[in-house]
């Protein structure tokens, strides 16, 4: 994958993670870099990188983008000829697939703000797999689900959750 493609992909993911409902534009990125990183890159510089007119980043630009997108600086270079993503470690590939799956799910369920937000929170966590495994462990003890719901969202929660909790406490099965 070329550097420009990676930058476009990172803008897409970042826009989703920020709840924009779309990819970050180059202008959005330029503004966010200035505001959040204290320095910046121009929209025209980003355009040159993405179009391939400028095939390499300066070291300071690479480091700023890596910090902003929370990726390793080594990611922000062209992949060598013949490089395939299947060569990445199984653990990293699994983490990336989980993150992408959750981000896509958050977009698909955007109408359910609570669910969409929860999916994005898990995708943003540094160990997505651990979060999902933990959720599985919690679900193995149904009483723990109800207790955690009461403690973490005593007055809130969705109406479907509250209705389900009432049915269970009244002896109904779901």
Protein backbone atom coordinates (compact mmCIF):
# COMPACT_ATOMS: atom_id res chain seq x y z
CA UNK A 1 0.00 0.00 0.00
CA UNK A 2 1.27 3.45 -0.87
CA UNK A 3 1.64 6.24 1.67
CA UNK A 4 -1.18 8.23 0.05
CA UNK A 5 -3.57 5.29 0.36
CA UNK A 6 -2.64 4.85 4.01
CA UNK A 7 -3.28 8.51 4.74
CA UNK A 8 -6.70 8.35 3.03
CA UNK A 9 -7.53 5.23 5.05
CA UNK A 10 -6.47 6.89 8.31
CA UNK A 11 -8.65 9.92 7.52
CA UNK A 12 -11.61 7.59 6.94
CA UNK A 13 -11.10 5.73 10.20
CA UNK A 14 -10.45 8.91 12.19
CA UNK A 15 -13.62 10.54 10.85
CA UNK A 16 -15.60 7.52 11.98
CA UNK A 17 -13.93 7.44 15.39
CA UNK A 18 -14.68 11.13 15.89
CA UNK A 19 -18.34 10.57 15.08
CA UNK A 20 -18.33 12.68 11.92
CA UNK A 21 -20.30 10.10 9.99
CA UNK A 22 -17.83 10.56 7.14
CA UNK A 23 -14.13 10.57 6.53
CA UNK A 24 -12.11 13.54 7.71
CA UNK A 25 -11.38 15.78 4.75
CA UNK A 26 -7.84 16.96 4.15
CA UNK A 27 -8.96 20.37 5.43
CA UNK A 28 -10.45 18.77 8.57
CA UNK A 29 -7.14 17.02 9.16
CA UNK A 30 -5.12 20.20 8.63
CA UNK A 31 -7.31 22.06 11.16
CA UNK A 32 -7.21 19.22 13.71
CA UNK A 33 -3.41 18.96 13.45
CA UNK A 34 -3.06 22.67 14.12
CA UNK A 35 -5.51 22.63 17.03
CA UNK A 36 -4.51 19.34 18.66
CA UNK A 37 -0.84 18.99 17.82
CA UNK A 38 0.18 22.63 18.02
CA UNK A 39 1.56 22.57 14.50
CA UNK A 40 0.27 21.54 11.23
CA UNK A 41 0.39 20.52 7.65
CA UNK A 42 -1.41 22.38 4.92
CA UNK A 43 -4.26 20.88 2.95
CA UNK A 44 -2.16 21.24 -0.21
CA UNK A 45 0.74 19.28 1.37
CA UNK A 46 -1.69 16.51 2.39
CA UNK A 47 -3.12 16.52 -1.13
CA UNK A 48 0.36 16.14 -2.63
CA UNK A 49 1.07 13.19 -0.34
CA UNK A 50 -2.21 11.47 -1.15
CA UNK A 51 -1.91 12.02 -4.90
CA UNK A 52 1.65 10.70 -4.95
CA UNK A 53 3.09 14.02 -6.19
CA UNK A 54 5.13 14.10 -2.99
CA UNK A 55 6.11 10.46 -2.34
CA UNK A 56 7.71 10.94 1.10
CA UNK A 57 6.98 12.78 4.32
CA UNK A 58 9.56 14.79 6.19
CA UNK A 59 10.49 13.19 9.50
CA UNK A 60 8.72 15.90 11.50
CA UNK A 61 5.54 15.49 9.41
CA UNK A 62 5.68 11.70 9.79
CA UNK A 63 6.08 11.97 13.57
CA UNK A 64 3.21 14.47 13.88
CA UNK A 65 0.84 12.33 11.80
CA UNK A 66 1.88 9.18 13.68
CA UNK A 67 1.10 10.85 17.03
CA UNK A 68 -2.18 12.25 15.73
CA UNK A 69 -3.42 8.94 14.26
CA UNK A 70 -1.78 6.88 17.05
CA UNK A 71 0.14 4.67 14.62
CA UNK A 72 3.77 3.66 14.50
CA UNK A 73 5.80 6.15 12.40
CA UNK A 74 7.03 3.23 10.31
CA UNK A 75 3.47 2.71 9.07
CA UNK A 76 3.61 6.05 7.26
CA UNK A 77 5.81 4.93 4.37
CA UNK A 78 5.14 3.02 1.17
CA UNK A 79 5.04 -0.73 1.71
CA UNK A 80 7.84 -2.57 -0.09
CA UNK A 81 7.07 -4.10 -3.47
CA UNK A 82 5.35 -7.46 -2.95
CA UNK A 83 4.38 -6.74 0.66
CA UNK A 84 1.12 -8.38 1.75
CA UNK A 85 -0.85 -7.57 4.86
CA UNK A 86 -1.27 -11.31 5.50
CA UNK A 87 2.35 -11.27 6.66
CA UNK A 88 1.45 -9.30 9.79
CA UNK A 89 1.26 -11.18 13.05
CA UNK A 90 -1.96 -13.07 13.68
CA UNK A 91 -2.58 -11.06 16.85
CA UNK A 92 -2.20 -7.65 15.13
CA UNK A 93 -4.26 -8.79 12.15
CA UNK A 94 -7.00 -10.01 14.51
CA UNK A 95 -6.95 -6.70 16.40
CA UNK A 96 -7.18 -4.72 13.14
CA UNK A 97 -10.07 -6.86 11.84
CA UNK A 98 -11.93 -6.51 15.15
CA UNK A 99 -11.46 -2.74 15.14
CA UNK A 100 -12.68 -2.43 11.55
CA UNK A 101 -15.63 -4.74 12.24
CA UNK A 102 -16.64 -2.64 15.24
CA UNK A 103 -16.27 0.64 13.36
CA UNK A 104 -18.40 -0.69 10.50
CA UNK A 105 -20.95 -1.96 13.03
CA UNK A 106 -21.05 1.42 14.74
CA UNK A 107 -21.84 3.04 11.40
CA UNK A 108 -24.50 0.43 10.61
CA UNK A 109 -26.19 0.97 13.98
CA UNK A 110 -25.76 4.75 14.05
CA UNK A 111 -29.49 5.05 14.78
CA UNK A 112 -28.87 3.47 18.18
CA UNK A 113 -26.51 6.06 19.65
CA UNK A 114 -25.79 4.07 22.81
CA UNK A 115 -24.83 0.90 20.91
CA UNK A 116 -22.85 2.79 18.28
CA UNK A 117 -20.93 4.68 20.98
CA UNK A 118 -20.14 1.46 22.87
CA UNK A 119 -18.81 -0.17 19.69
CA UNK A 120 -16.56 2.81 18.98
CA UNK A 121 -15.26 2.79 22.56
CA UNK A 122 -14.27 -0.85 22.22
CA UNK A 123 -12.63 -0.20 18.82
CA UNK A 124 -10.61 2.67 20.33
CA UNK A 125 -9.33 0.56 23.22
CA UNK A 126 -5.72 -0.55 22.84
CA UNK A 127 -6.75 -4.21 23.31
CA UNK A 128 -10.06 -4.76 21.52
CA UNK A 129 -9.82 -8.53 21.79
CA UNK A 130 -9.45 -8.31 25.57
CA UNK A 131 -12.60 -6.14 25.77
CA UNK A 132 -14.67 -8.66 23.81
CA UNK A 133 -13.31 -11.61 25.78
CA UNK A 134 -14.14 -9.75 29.01
CA UNK A 135 -17.68 -9.13 27.77
CA UNK A 136 -17.99 -12.87 27.08
CA UNK A 137 -16.85 -13.67 30.62
CA UNK A 138 -19.41 -11.23 32.03
CA UNK A 139 -22.17 -12.85 29.97
CA UNK A 140 -21.31 -16.27 31.41
CA UNK A 141 -22.65 -14.97 34.72
CA UNK A 142 -26.07 -13.43 33.89
CA UNK A 143 -26.51 -12.08 37.40
CA UNK A 144 -23.29 -10.13 36.89
CA UNK A 145 -24.77 -8.45 33.79
CA UNK A 146 -27.78 -7.27 35.77
CA UNK A 147 -25.68 -6.13 38.73
CA UNK A 148 -23.19 -4.24 36.56
CA UNK A 149 -26.08 -2.60 34.71
CA UNK A 150 -27.57 -1.44 38.00
CA UNK A 151 -24.25 -0.10 39.28
CA UNK A 152 -23.01 1.51 36.06
CA UNK A 153 -26.33 2.88 34.78
CA UNK A 154 -28.66 3.08 37.78
CA UNK A 155 -31.13 5.57 36.30
CA UNK A 156 -30.17 5.35 32.63
CA UNK A 157 -29.92 2.53 30.18
CA UNK A 158 -32.14 1.78 27.27
CA UNK A 159 -35.81 1.06 27.73
CA UNK A 160 -35.32 -2.38 26.17
CA UNK A 161 -32.75 -3.18 28.86
CA UNK A 162 -35.02 -1.95 31.64
CA UNK A 163 -37.96 -3.94 30.23
CA UNK A 164 -35.80 -7.06 30.05
CA UNK A 165 -34.63 -6.58 33.62
CA UNK A 166 -38.25 -6.21 34.77
CA UNK A 167 -39.26 -9.43 32.98
CA UNK A 168 -36.37 -11.34 34.54
CA UNK A 169 -37.12 -10.03 38.02
CA UNK A 170 -40.79 -10.91 37.52
CA UNK A 171 -39.79 -14.46 36.63
CA UNK A 172 -40.11 -14.14 32.85
CA UNK A 173 -37.67 -15.77 30.48
CA UNK A 174 -36.02 -13.99 27.60
